[in-house]
C-alpha atoms as a PDB file:
ATOM      1  CA  UNK A   1     -13.496  62.006-183.016  1.00  0.00           C
ATOM      2  CA  UNK A   2     -15.489  59.204-181.398  1.00  0.00           C
ATOM      3  CA  UNK A   3     -16.555  61.376-178.451  1.00  0.00           C
ATOM      4  CA  UNK A   4     -17.775  64.028-180.881  1.00  0.00           C
ATOM      5  CA  UNK A   5     -19.700  61.374-182.821  1.00  0.00           C
ATOM      6  CA  UNK A   6     -21.370  60.174-179.624  1.00  0.00           C
ATOM      7  CA  UNK A   7     -22.427  63.685-178.801  1.00  0.00           C
ATOM      8  CA  UNK A   8     -24.319  63.938-182.105  1.00  0.00           C
ATOM      9  CA  UNK A   9     -26.452  60.798-181.595  1.00  0.00           C
ATOM     10  CA  UNK A  10     -29.517  61.896-179.537  1.00  0.00           C
ATOM     11  CA  UNK A  11     -31.343  63.580-182.440  1.00  0.00           C
ATOM     12  CA  UNK A  12     -30.619  60.713-184.903  1.00  0.00           C
ATOM     13  CA  UNK A  13     -31.848  58.264-182.276  1.00  0.00           C
ATOM     14  CA  UNK A  14     -35.144  60.157-181.917  1.00  0.00           C
ATOM     15  CA  UNK A  15     -35.722  60.141-185.656  1.00  0.00           C
ATOM     16  CA  UNK A  16     -34.491  56.559-186.141  1.00  0.00           C
ATOM     17  CA  UNK A  17     -36.888  55.261-183.467  1.00  0.00           C
ATOM     18  CA  UNK A  18     -39.721  57.336-184.958  1.00  0.00           C
ATOM     19  CA  UNK A  19     -39.126  55.512-188.245  1.00  0.00           C
ATOM     20  CA  UNK A  20     -39.124  52.082-186.588  1.00  0.00           C
ATOM     21  CA  UNK A  21     -42.329  52.916-184.685  1.00  0.00           C
ATOM     22  CA  UNK A  22     -43.883  54.105-187.961  1.00  0.00           C
ATOM     23  CA  UNK A  23     -43.032  50.731-189.532  1.00  0.00           C
ATOM     24  CA  UNK A  24     -44.710  48.862-186.681  1.00  0.00           C
ATOM     25  CA  UNK A  25     -47.876  50.987-186.928  1.00  0.00           C
ATOM     26  CA  UNK A  26     -48.239  50.900-190.691  1.00  0.00           C
ATOM     27  CA  UNK A  27     -47.528  47.174-190.959  1.00  0.00           C
ATOM     28  CA  UNK A  28     -50.103  46.404-188.261  1.00  0.00           C
ATOM     29  CA  UNK A  29     -52.717  48.541-190.035  1.00  0.00           C
ATOM     30  CA  UNK A  30     -51.891  46.891-193.330  1.00  0.00           C
ATOM     31  CA  UNK A  31     -52.247  43.406-191.831  1.00  0.00           C
ATOM     32  CA  UNK A  32     -55.733  44.367-190.660  1.00  0.00           C
ATOM     33  CA  UNK A  33     -56.676  45.118-194.264  1.00  0.00           C
ATOM     34  CA  UNK A  34     -57.056  48.869-193.773  1.00  0.00           C
ATOM     35  CA  UNK A  35     -56.935  50.722-197.137  1.00  0.00           C
ATOM     36  CA  UNK A  36     -53.783  52.639-198.107  1.00  0.00           C
ATOM     37  CA  UNK A  37     -55.624  55.968-198.011  1.00  0.00           C
ATOM     38  CA  UNK A  38     -56.767  55.434-194.429  1.00  0.00           C
ATOM     39  CA  UNK A  39     -53.324  54.305-193.308  1.00  0.00           C
ATOM     40  CA  UNK A  40     -51.865  57.472-194.862  1.00  0.00           C
ATOM     41  CA  UNK A  41     -54.472  59.697-193.170  1.00  0.00           C
ATOM     42  CA  UNK A  42     -53.803  58.094-189.791  1.00  0.00           C
ATOM     43  CA  UNK A  43     -50.041  58.432-189.966  1.00  0.00           C
ATOM     44  CA  UNK A  44     -50.024  61.895-191.557  1.00  0.00           C
ATOM     45  CA  UNK A  45     -52.463  63.104-188.903  1.00  0.00           C
ATOM     46  CA  UNK A  46     -50.177  61.788-186.157  1.00  0.00           C
ATOM     47  CA  UNK A  47     -47.219  63.516-187.781  1.00  0.00           C
ATOM     48  CA  UNK A  48     -49.214  66.758-187.930  1.00  0.00           C
ATOM     49  CA  UNK A  49     -49.922  66.440-184.213  1.00  0.00           C
ATOM     50  CA  UNK A  50     -46.221  66.047-183.459  1.00  0.00           C
ATOM     51  CA  UNK A  51     -45.458  69.038-185.692  1.00  0.00           C
ATOM     52  CA  UNK A  52     -48.091  71.084-183.862  1.00  0.00           C
ATOM     53  CA  UNK A  53     -46.572  70.114-180.522  1.00  0.00           C
ATOM     54  CA  UNK A  54     -43.219  71.306-181.886  1.00  0.00           C
ATOM     55  CA  UNK A  55     -44.721  74.724-182.653  1.00  0.00           C
ATOM     56  CA  UNK A  56     -46.319  74.800-179.207  1.00  0.00           C
ATOM     57  CA  UNK A  57     -42.989  73.933-177.622  1.00  0.00           C
ATOM     58  CA  UNK A  58     -41.310  76.833-179.442  1.00  0.00           C
ATOM     59  CA  UNK A  59     -44.063  79.161-178.165  1.00  0.00           C
ATOM     60  CA  UNK A  60     -43.471  77.925-174.618  1.00  0.00           C
ATOM     61  CA  UNK A  61     -39.725  78.520-174.880  1.00  0.00           C
ATOM     62  CA  UNK A  62     -40.322  81.984-176.292  1.00  0.00           C
ATOM     63  CA  UNK A  63     -42.659  82.940-173.408  1.00  0.00           C
ATOM     64  CA  UNK A  64     -40.267  81.581-170.794  1.00  0.00           C
ATOM     65  CA  UNK A  65     -37.458  83.650-172.332  1.00  0.00           C
ATOM     66  CA  UNK A  66     -39.703  86.701-172.773  1.00  0.00           C
ATOM     67  CA  UNK A  67     -37.682  89.901-172.948  1.00  0.00           C
ATOM     68  CA  UNK A  68     -34.491  88.602-174.470  1.00  0.00           C
ATOM     69  CA  UNK A  69     -35.475  85.923-176.974  1.00  0.00           C
ATOM     70  CA  UNK A  70     -35.990  87.230-180.574  1.00  0.00           C
ATOM     71  CA  UNK A  71     -39.394  86.656-182.169  1.00  0.00           C
ATOM     72  CA  UNK A  72     -37.724  84.559-184.873  1.00  0.00           C
ATOM     73  CA  UNK A  73     -37.244  81.819-182.246  1.00  0.00           C
ATOM     74  CA  UNK A  74     -40.931  81.021-182.746  1.00  0.00           C
ATOM     75  CA  UNK A  75     -40.054  79.757-186.256  1.00  0.00           C
ATOM     76  CA  UNK A  76     -36.928  77.819-185.332  1.00  0.00           C
ATOM     77  CA  UNK A  77     -36.754  74.347-186.912  1.00  0.00           C
ATOM     78  CA  UNK A  78     -36.413  72.102-183.869  1.00  0.00           C
ATOM     79  CA  UNK A  79     -36.270  68.311-183.577  1.00  0.00           C
ATOM     80  CA  UNK A  80     -39.999  67.921-182.804  1.00  0.00           C
ATOM     81  CA  UNK A  81     -40.875  69.875-185.944  1.00  0.00           C
ATOM     82  CA  UNK A  82     -38.663  67.595-188.036  1.00  0.00           C
ATOM     83  CA  UNK A  83     -40.021  64.402-186.470  1.00  0.00           C
ATOM     84  CA  UNK A  84     -43.561  65.564-187.297  1.00  0.00           C
ATOM     85  CA  UNK A  85     -42.638  66.498-190.870  1.00  0.00           C
ATOM     86  CA  UNK A  86     -40.734  63.237-191.345  1.00  0.00           C
ATOM     87  CA  UNK A  87     -43.771  61.251-190.223  1.00  0.00           C
ATOM     88  CA  UNK A  88     -45.954  63.153-192.671  1.00  0.00           C
ATOM     89  CA  UNK A  89     -43.466  62.528-195.490  1.00  0.00           C
ATOM     90  CA  UNK A  90     -43.317  58.836-194.619  1.00  0.00           C
ATOM     91  CA  UNK A  91     -47.114  58.758-194.649  1.00  0.00           C
ATOM     92  CA  UNK A  92     -47.140  60.188-198.176  1.00  0.00           C
ATOM     93  CA  UNK A  93     -44.508  57.707-199.348  1.00  0.00           C
ATOM     94  CA  UNK A  94     -46.399  54.854-197.703  1.00  0.00           C
ATOM     95  CA  UNK A  95     -49.633  55.901-199.447  1.00  0.00           C
ATOM     96  CA  UNK A  96     -47.992  56.038-202.887  1.00  0.00           C
ATOM     97  CA  UNK A  97     -46.170  52.726-202.492  1.00  0.00           C
ATOM     98  CA  UNK A  98     -49.153  50.827-201.126  1.00  0.00           C
ATOM     99  CA  UNK A  99     -51.309  52.077-204.002  1.00  0.00           C
ATOM    100  CA  UNK A 100     -48.794  50.971-206.609  1.00  0.00           C
ATOM    101  CA  UNK A 101     -47.672  47.702-204.969  1.00  0.00           C
ATOM    102  CA  UNK A 102     -50.485  45.293-204.260  1.00  0.00           C
ATOM    103  CA  UNK A 103     -48.139  42.328-203.752  1.00  0.00           C
ATOM    104  CA  UNK A 104     -44.991  42.321-201.596  1.00  0.00           C
ATOM    105  CA  UNK A 105     -46.015  45.726-200.276  1.00  0.00           C
ATOM    106  CA  UNK A 106     -43.763  45.448-197.221  1.00  0.00           C
ATOM    107  CA  UNK A 107     -40.699  44.775-199.384  1.00  0.00           C
ATOM    108  CA  UNK A 108     -41.559  47.578-201.815  1.00  0.00           C
ATOM    109  CA  UNK A 109     -42.123  50.066-198.998  1.00  0.00           C
ATOM    110  CA  UNK A 110     -38.909  49.043-197.253  1.00  0.00           C
ATOM    111  CA  UNK A 111     -36.806  49.427-200.404  1.00  0.00           C
ATOM    112  CA  UNK A 112     -38.412  52.792-201.192  1.00  0.00           C
ATOM    113  CA  UNK A 113     -37.784  54.029-197.658  1.00  0.00           C
ATOM    114  CA  UNK A 114     -34.162  52.887-197.873  1.00  0.00           C
ATOM    115  CA  UNK A 115     -33.759  54.662-201.221  1.00  0.00           C
ATOM    116  CA  UNK A 116     -35.199  57.924-199.814  1.00  0.00           C
ATOM    117  CA  UNK A 117     -32.954  57.554-196.770  1.00  0.00           C
ATOM    118  CA  UNK A 118     -29.895  57.375-199.059  1.00  0.00           C
ATOM    119  CA  UNK A 119     -30.885  60.105-201.504  1.00  0.00           C
ATOM    120  CA  UNK A 120     -31.594  62.732-198.818  1.00  0.00           C
ATOM    121  CA  UNK A 121     -28.004  62.847-197.434  1.00  0.00           C
ATOM    122  CA  UNK A 122     -26.586  62.723-200.959  1.00  0.00           C
ATOM    123  CA  UNK A 123     -28.557  65.860-201.860  1.00  0.00           C
ATOM    124  CA  UNK A 124     -27.864  67.677-198.578  1.00  0.00           C
ATOM    125  CA  UNK A 125     -24.452  69.242-199.492  1.00  0.00           C
ATOM    126  CA  UNK A 126     -25.958  70.664-202.679  1.00  0.00           C
ATOM    127  CA  UNK A 127     -29.092  71.999-201.037  1.00  0.00           C
ATOM    128  CA  UNK A 128     -26.961  73.719-198.394  1.00  0.00           C
ATOM    129  CA  UNK A 129     -24.702  75.394-200.999  1.00  0.00           C
ATOM    130  CA  UNK A 130     -25.150  75.636-204.772  1.00  0.00           C
ATOM    131  CA  UNK A 131     -28.767  74.413-204.895  1.00  0.00           C
ATOM    132  CA  UNK A 132     -30.042  76.479-201.997  1.00  0.00           C
ATOM    133  CA  UNK A 133     -33.688  77.505-202.482  1.00  0.00           C
ATOM    134  CA  UNK A 134     -33.023  81.165-201.826  1.00  0.00           C
ATOM    135  CA  UNK A 135     -36.272  82.069-203.611  1.00  0.00           C
ATOM    136  CA  UNK A 136     -38.277  80.709-200.671  1.00  0.00           C
ATOM    137  CA  UNK A 137     -39.110  82.874-197.604  1.00  0.00           C
ATOM    138  CA  UNK A 138     -36.606  82.054-194.901  1.00  0.00           C
ATOM    139  CA  UNK A 139     -39.137  80.292-192.571  1.00  0.00           C
ATOM    140  CA  UNK A 140     -39.796  77.808-195.391  1.00  0.00           C
ATOM    141  CA  UNK A 141     -36.207  77.571-196.620  1.00  0.00           C
ATOM    142  CA  UNK A 142     -35.154  76.804-193.091  1.00  0.00           C
ATOM    143  CA  UNK A 143     -37.000  73.478-193.227  1.00  0.00           C
ATOM    144  CA  UNK A 144     -34.802  72.480-196.167  1.00  0.00           C
ATOM    145  CA  UNK A 145     -31.367  73.775-195.177  1.00  0.00           C
ATOM    146  CA  UNK A 146     -31.697  75.303-191.685  1.00  0.00           C
ATOM    147  CA  UNK A 147     -30.932  78.840-192.843  1.00  0.00           C
ATOM    148  CA  UNK A 148     -33.248  80.467-190.240  1.00  0.00           C
ATOM    149  CA  UNK A 149     -33.039  84.260-190.668  1.00  0.00           C
ATOM    150  CA  UNK A 150     -29.233  84.350-190.623  1.00  0.00           C
ATOM    151  CA  UNK A 151     -28.444  84.142-194.343  1.00  0.00           C
ATOM    152  CA  UNK A 152     -26.488  80.890-194.175  1.00  0.00           C
ATOM    153  CA  UNK A 153     -27.519  77.329-193.141  1.00  0.00           C
ATOM    154  CA  UNK A 154     -27.036  76.762-189.419  1.00  0.00           C
ATOM    155  CA  UNK A 155     -25.607  73.502-188.044  1.00  0.00           C
ATOM    156  CA  UNK A 156     -27.595  73.705-184.781  1.00  0.00           C
ATOM    157  CA  UNK A 157     -30.994  73.397-186.494  1.00  0.00           C
ATOM    158  CA  UNK A 158     -32.790  70.275-187.758  1.00  0.00           C
ATOM    159  CA  UNK A 159     -33.887  70.738-191.382  1.00  0.00           C
ATOM    160  CA  UNK A 160     -35.327  67.889-193.483  1.00  0.00           C
ATOM    161  CA  UNK A 161     -31.966  67.600-195.256  1.00  0.00           C
ATOM    162  CA  UNK A 162     -30.319  65.578-193.807  1.00  0.00           C
ATOM    163  CA  UNK A 163     -32.263  64.822-190.611  1.00  0.00           C
ATOM    164  CA  UNK A 164     -35.404  63.237-192.106  1.00  0.00           C
ATOM    165  CA  UNK A 165     -33.198  60.530-193.656  1.00  0.00           C
ATOM    166  CA  UNK A 166     -32.691  58.945-190.215  1.00  0.00           C
ATOM    167  CA  UNK A 167     -36.446  58.407-189.965  1.00  0.00           C
ATOM    168  CA  UNK A 168     -36.627  56.778-193.403  1.00  0.00           C
ATOM    169  CA  UNK A 169     -33.717  54.474-192.558  1.00  0.00           C
ATOM    170  CA  UNK A 170     -35.554  53.538-189.365  1.00  0.00           C
ATOM    171  CA  UNK A 171     -38.692  52.822-191.415  1.00  0.00           C
ATOM    172  CA  UNK A 172     -36.728  50.559-193.758  1.00  0.00           C
ATOM    173  CA  UNK A 173     -35.064  48.726-190.883  1.00  0.00           C
ATOM    174  CA  UNK A 174     -38.351  48.333-189.007  1.00  0.00           C
ATOM    175  CA  UNK A 175     -39.977  46.717-192.038  1.00  0.00           C
ATOM    176  CA  UNK A 176     -36.952  44.436-192.437  1.00  0.00           C
ATOM    177  CA  UNK A 177     -37.281  43.291-188.822  1.00  0.00           C
ATOM    178  CA  UNK A 178     -40.968  42.498-189.427  1.00  0.00           C
ATOM    179  CA  UNK A 179     -40.251  40.351-192.478  1.00  0.00           C
ATOM    180  CA  UNK A 180     -40.657  36.592-192.366  1.00  0.00           C
ATOM    181  CA  UNK A 181     -36.978  36.026-193.092  1.00  0.00           C
ATOM    182  CA  UNK A 182     -35.857  38.211-190.173  1.00  0.00           C
ATOM    183  CA  UNK A 183     -38.306  36.479-187.819  1.00  0.00           C
ATOM    184  CA  UNK A 184     -36.892  33.080-188.799  1.00  0.00           C
ATOM    185  CA  UNK A 185     -33.310  34.200-188.229  1.00  0.00           C
ATOM    186  CA  UNK A 186     -34.162  35.646-184.830  1.00  0.00           C
ATOM    187  CA  UNK A 187     -31.091  36.875-182.960  1.00  0.00           C
ATOM    188  CA  UNK A 188     -28.942  36.395-186.078  1.00  0.00           C
ATOM    189  CA  UNK A 189     -30.788  39.329-187.658  1.00  0.00           C
ATOM    190  CA  UNK A 190     -29.516  41.697-184.970  1.00  0.00           C
ATOM    191  CA  UNK A 191     -26.016  40.258-185.132  1.00  0.00           C
ATOM    192  CA  UNK A 192     -26.010  40.939-188.878  1.00  0.00           C
ATOM    193  CA  UNK A 193     -27.359  44.446-188.285  1.00  0.00           C
ATOM    194  CA  UNK A 194     -24.598  45.174-185.794  1.00  0.00           C
ATOM    195  CA  UNK A 195     -21.929  43.733-188.116  1.00  0.00           C
ATOM    196  CA  UNK A 196     -23.383  45.700-191.031  1.00  0.00           C
ATOM    197  CA  UNK A 197     -23.229  48.852-188.883  1.00  0.00           C
ATOM    198  CA  UNK A 198     -19.529  48.330-188.143  1.00  0.00           C
ATOM    199  CA  UNK A 199     -18.838  47.720-191.853  1.00  0.00           C
ATOM    200  CA  UNK A 200     -20.775  50.858-192.786  1.00  0.00           C
ATOM    201  CA  UNK A 201     -18.767  52.954-190.312  1.00  0.00           C
ATOM    202  CA  UNK A 202     -15.406  51.838-191.746  1.00  0.00           C
ATOM    203  CA  UNK A 203     -16.646  52.144-195.338  1.00  0.00           C
ATOM    204  CA  UNK A 204     -17.739  55.732-194.708  1.00  0.00           C
ATOM    205  CA  UNK A 205     -14.417  56.559-193.018  1.00  0.00           C
ATOM    206  CA  UNK A 206     -12.558  55.048-195.964  1.00  0.00           C
ATOM    207  CA  UNK A 207     -14.553  57.128-198.432  1.00  0.00           C
ATOM    208  CA  UNK A 208     -13.943  60.232-196.293  1.00  0.00           C
ATOM    209  CA  UNK A 209     -10.188  59.695-196.508  1.00  0.00           C
ATOM    210  CA  UNK A 210     -10.149  60.322-200.256  1.00  0.00           C
ATOM    211  CA  UNK A 211      -8.364  63.607-201.020  1.00  0.00           C
ATOM    212  CA  UNK A 212     -10.956  64.635-203.619  1.00  0.00           C
ATOM    213  CA  UNK A 213     -14.622  64.488-202.770  1.00  0.00           C
ATOM    214  CA  UNK A 214     -17.584  64.570-205.187  1.00  0.00           C
ATOM    215  CA  UNK A 215     -18.858  67.883-203.799  1.00  0.00           C
ATOM    216  CA  UNK A 216     -17.250  71.240-204.448  1.00  0.00           C
ATOM    217  CA  UNK A 217     -17.737  72.244-200.791  1.00  0.00           C
ATOM    218  CA  UNK A 218     -17.181  69.332-198.431  1.00  0.00           C
ATOM    219  CA  UNK A 219     -18.160  69.799-194.773  1.00  0.00           C
ATOM    220  CA  UNK A 220     -17.723  66.512-192.892  1.00  0.00           C
ATOM    221  CA  UNK A 221     -19.397  67.481-189.606  1.00  0.00           C
ATOM    222  CA  UNK A 222     -22.463  69.191-191.048  1.00  0.00           C
ATOM    223  CA  UNK A 223     -23.451  68.000-194.536  1.00  0.00           C
ATOM    224  CA  UNK A 224     -21.203  65.079-195.470  1.00  0.00           C
ATOM    225  CA  UNK A 225     -23.008  61.857-196.498  1.00  0.00           C
ATOM    226  CA  UNK A 226     -20.041  60.018-194.997  1.00  0.00           C
ATOM    227  CA  UNK A 227     -20.790  61.522-191.599  1.00  0.00           C
ATOM    228  CA  UNK A 228     -24.443  60.542-192.012  1.00  0.00           C
ATOM    229  CA  UNK A 229     -23.620  56.919-192.807  1.00  0.00           C
ATOM    230  CA  UNK A 230     -21.172  56.728-189.904  1.00  0.00           C
ATOM    231  CA  UNK A 231     -24.015  57.685-187.593  1.00  0.00           C
ATOM    232  CA  UNK A 232     -26.356  55.180-189.277  1.00  0.00           C
ATOM    233  CA  UNK A 233     -23.701  52.507-188.594  1.00  0.00           C
ATOM    234  CA  UNK A 234     -23.559  53.529-184.960  1.00  0.00           C
ATOM    235  CA  UNK A 235     -27.340  53.336-184.727  1.00  0.00           C
ATOM    236  CA  UNK A 236     -27.244  49.780-186.100  1.00  0.00           C
ATOM    237  CA  UNK A 237     -24.608  48.817-183.531  1.00  0.00           C
ATOM    238  CA  UNK A 238     -26.733  50.373-180.750  1.00  0.00           C
ATOM    239  CA  UNK A 239     -29.743  48.399-182.014  1.00  0.00           C
ATOM    240  CA  UNK A 240     -27.772  45.132-181.785  1.00  0.00           C
ATOM    241  CA  UNK A 241     -26.498  45.964-178.314  1.00  0.00           C
ATOM    242  CA  UNK A 242     -30.010  46.882-177.207  1.00  0.00           C
ATOM    243  CA  UNK A 243     -31.235  43.475-178.332  1.00  0.00           C
ATOM    244  CA  UNK A 244     -28.458  41.762-176.376  1.00  0.00           C
ATOM    245  CA  UNK A 245     -29.263  43.915-173.327  1.00  0.00           C
ATOM    246  CA  UNK A 246     -32.984  43.028-173.481  1.00  0.00           C
ATOM    247  CA  UNK A 247     -32.537  39.337-174.397  1.00  0.00           C
ATOM    248  CA  UNK A 248     -29.661  38.273-172.164  1.00  0.00           C
ATOM    249  CA  UNK A 249     -28.615  41.348-170.144  1.00  0.00           C
ATOM    250  CA  UNK A 250     -30.051  43.548-167.427  1.00  0.00           C
ATOM    251  CA  UNK A 251     -33.145  44.106-169.562  1.00  0.00           C
ATOM    252  CA  UNK A 252     -34.341  40.808-168.103  1.00  0.00           C
ATOM    253  CA  UNK A 253     -34.753  42.481-164.704  1.00  0.00           C
ATOM    254  CA  UNK A 254     -38.199  43.416-163.585  1.00  0.00           C
ATOM    255  CA  UNK A 255     -37.694  47.176-164.101  1.00  0.00           C
ATOM    256  CA  UNK A 256     -35.902  48.885-166.966  1.00  0.00           C
ATOM    257  CA  UNK A 257     -35.298  52.646-166.724  1.00  0.00           C
ATOM    258  CA  UNK A 258     -34.825  52.937-170.480  1.00  0.00           C
ATOM    259  CA  UNK A 259     -38.101  51.184-171.249  1.00  0.00           C
ATOM    260  CA  UNK A 260     -39.805  53.396-168.655  1.00  0.00           C
ATOM    261  CA  UNK A 261     -38.435  56.541-170.281  1.00  0.00           C
ATOM    262  CA  UNK A 262     -39.497  55.271-173.703  1.00  0.00           C
ATOM    263  CA  UNK A 263     -43.100  54.982-172.546  1.00  0.00           C
ATOM    264  CA  UNK A 264     -43.228  58.729-171.823  1.00  0.00           C
ATOM    265  CA  UNK A 265     -40.564  59.955-174.267  1.00  0.00           C
ATOM    266  CA  UNK A 266     -42.428  63.086-175.386  1.00  0.00           C
ATOM    267  CA  UNK A 267     -42.990  64.317-171.826  1.00  0.00           C
ATOM    268  CA  UNK A 268     -39.386  63.538-170.879  1.00  0.00           C
ATOM    269  CA  UNK A 269     -38.094  65.407-173.911  1.00  0.00           C
ATOM    270  CA  UNK A 270     -40.334  68.393-173.245  1.00  0.00           C
ATOM    271  CA  UNK A 271     -39.253  68.774-169.602  1.00  0.00           C
ATOM    272  CA  UNK A 272     -35.593  67.899-169.867  1.00  0.00           C
ATOM    273  CA  UNK A 273     -34.909  70.516-172.555  1.00  0.00           C
ATOM    274  CA  UNK A 274     -35.766  73.292-170.142  1.00  0.00           C
ATOM    275  CA  UNK A 275     -33.669  71.751-167.361  1.00  0.00           C
ATOM    276  CA  UNK A 276     -30.659  71.265-169.631  1.00  0.00           C
ATOM    277  CA  UNK A 277     -30.794  74.264-171.969  1.00  0.00           C
ATOM    278  CA  UNK A 278     -33.481  76.650-170.722  1.00  0.00           C
ATOM    279  CA  UNK A 279     -33.860  79.263-168.072  1.00  0.00           C
ATOM    280  CA  UNK A 280     -34.255  76.588-165.367  1.00  0.00           C
ATOM    281  CA  UNK A 281     -30.978  74.835-166.250  1.00  0.00           C
ATOM    282  CA  UNK A 282     -29.549  72.899-163.308  1.00  0.00           C
ATOM    283  CA  UNK A 283     -25.957  73.539-164.482  1.00  0.00           C
ATOM    284  CA  UNK A 284     -24.144  76.631-165.717  1.00  0.00           C
ATOM    285  CA  UNK A 285     -24.568  77.163-169.429  1.00  0.00           C
ATOM    286  CA  UNK A 286     -20.870  77.560-170.012  1.00  0.00           C
ATOM    287  CA  UNK A 287     -18.171  74.884-169.894  1.00  0.00           C
ATOM    288  CA  UNK A 288     -18.019  72.751-166.711  1.00  0.00           C
ATOM    289  CA  UNK A 289     -15.595  70.062-165.594  1.00  0.00           C
ATOM    290  CA  UNK A 290     -16.248  66.346-166.080  1.00  0.00           C
ATOM    291  CA  UNK A 291     -17.299  65.815-162.463  1.00  0.00           C
ATOM    292  CA  UNK A 292     -19.945  68.563-162.564  1.00  0.00           C
ATOM    293  CA  UNK A 293     -21.217  67.443-165.974  1.00  0.00           C
ATOM    294  CA  UNK A 294     -21.469  63.837-164.736  1.00  0.00           C
ATOM    295  CA  UNK A 295     -23.414  64.963-161.698  1.00  0.00           C
ATOM    296  CA  UNK A 296     -25.788  66.954-163.885  1.00  0.00           C
ATOM    297  CA  UNK A 297     -26.287  63.976-166.228  1.00  0.00           C
ATOM    298  CA  UNK A 298     -27.097  61.664-163.279  1.00  0.00           C
ATOM    299  CA  UNK A 299     -29.479  64.224-161.764  1.00  0.00           C
ATOM    300  CA  UNK A 300     -31.338  64.704-165.042  1.00  0.00           C
ATOM    301  CA  UNK A 301     -31.582  60.943-165.657  1.00  0.00           C
ATOM    302  CA  UNK A 302     -32.943  60.139-162.184  1.00  0.00           C
ATOM    303  CA  UNK A 303     -35.392  63.039-162.194  1.00  0.00           C
ATOM    304  CA  UNK A 304     -36.716  62.095-165.629  1.00  0.00           C
ATOM    305  CA  UNK A 305     -37.149  58.448-164.558  1.00  0.00           C
ATOM    306  CA  UNK A 306     -39.133  59.604-161.506  1.00  0.00           C
ATOM    307  CA  UNK A 307     -41.211  61.929-163.679  1.00  0.00           C
ATOM    308  CA  UNK A 308     -41.896  59.100-166.096  1.00  0.00           C
ATOM    309  CA  UNK A 309     -42.985  56.755-163.322  1.00  0.00           C
ATOM    310  CA  UNK A 310     -45.282  59.391-161.910  1.00  0.00           C
ATOM    311  CA  UNK A 311     -46.788  59.958-165.364  1.00  0.00           C
ATOM    312  CA  UNK A 312     -47.506  56.254-165.944  1.00  0.00           C
ATOM    313  CA  UNK A 313     -48.920  55.812-162.436  1.00  0.00           C
ATOM    314  CA  UNK A 314     -51.288  58.756-162.847  1.00  0.00           C
ATOM    315  CA  UNK A 315     -52.319  58.002-166.415  1.00  0.00           C
ATOM    316  CA  UNK A 316     -56.081  57.718-166.567  1.00  0.00           C
ATOM    317  CA  UNK A 317     -56.414  58.701-162.920  1.00  0.00           C
ATOM    318  CA  UNK A 318     -56.617  62.435-163.305  1.00  0.00           C
ATOM    319  CA  UNK A 319     -60.172  62.588-161.924  1.00  0.00           C
ATOM    320  CA  UNK A 320     -59.131  60.634-158.817  1.00  0.00           C
ATOM    321  CA  UNK A 321     -56.148  62.961-158.229  1.00  0.00           C
ATOM    322  CA  UNK A 322     -58.364  66.052-158.546  1.00  0.00           C
ATOM    323  CA  UNK A 323     -60.957  64.563-156.241  1.00  0.00           C
ATOM    324  CA  UNK A 324     -58.316  63.879-153.606  1.00  0.00           C
ATOM    325  CA  UNK A 325     -56.861  67.383-153.963  1.00  0.00           C
ATOM    326  CA  UNK A 326     -60.212  69.120-153.627  1.00  0.00           C
ATOM    327  CA  UNK A 327     -61.671  66.799-150.995  1.00  0.00           C
ATOM    328  CA  UNK A 328     -63.608  68.656-148.282  1.00  0.00           C
ATOM    329  CA  UNK A 329     -61.927  69.099-144.958  1.00  0.00           C
ATOM    330  CA  UNK A 330     -63.310  66.998-142.127  1.00  0.00           C
ATOM    331  CA  UNK A 331     -64.933  68.801-139.219  1.00  0.00           C
ATOM    332  CA  UNK A 332     -62.898  68.607-136.045  1.00  0.00           C
END
């Protein structure tokens, strides 16, 4: 079970970190005295850019797979699409809360984000079954339940329900970490977050053990709120371990591969997808043994670190690189 849970964490991590980053940006803008409407426009515009990049990525994948990929792949709900939509939704929520809450805006926004992050997974089983919006065209319904054009919700897609909830939980946690109380507690805040994550994992497992669930159709691995909260607990534990790593562990070294990858995360995501899943996959697309899979993981990690370093070294130096490439040959 735990190995399967670990395999489902990359997408929640992307969304969770997007929510934390959103909290940092909005709180900084709010501290500068920028009006709520302008903060909303800035964040919604950024979310729209990410959403547009998601559509562009789908177009790229369709063109690479030209000849055998169905046209419906252009409308597949992928993780970049959901990150962009989640950011736009958080921008709308932020705008409403900041307009209504003049005092203690950070607390009000954090509590609202936490509430939205809880409600979304609670509604997911219903929106995937009895409350399915079948009246919508499938490209729009797919953003709610991942139905695509296949008639039934698909577990390999990333609809708003439940995936956007990870972003809202990240937003709530990010605002909590920025609060005065959390700053005073320092490292204790992350210890409490890690302990809370462990407690949440065991609480969700205890609830899952009940013979009768609230929902008529209970699907633990795809729509269960218990599965969602287990992954949230794991994200909190990872957050605490990351703090320990950066404060007292190898993160104190001069170079951190994970920080480097984080600085160019969009580029790394864009390229690695094609090398892992696409036509240029470095490993066979069927089952491989542990040794081969480990070699592939190491190769992808090292190549993405090198790509990230190259990107940061060349950032802002495109004109110099072009000038060097097109420099005139010297006469002999």
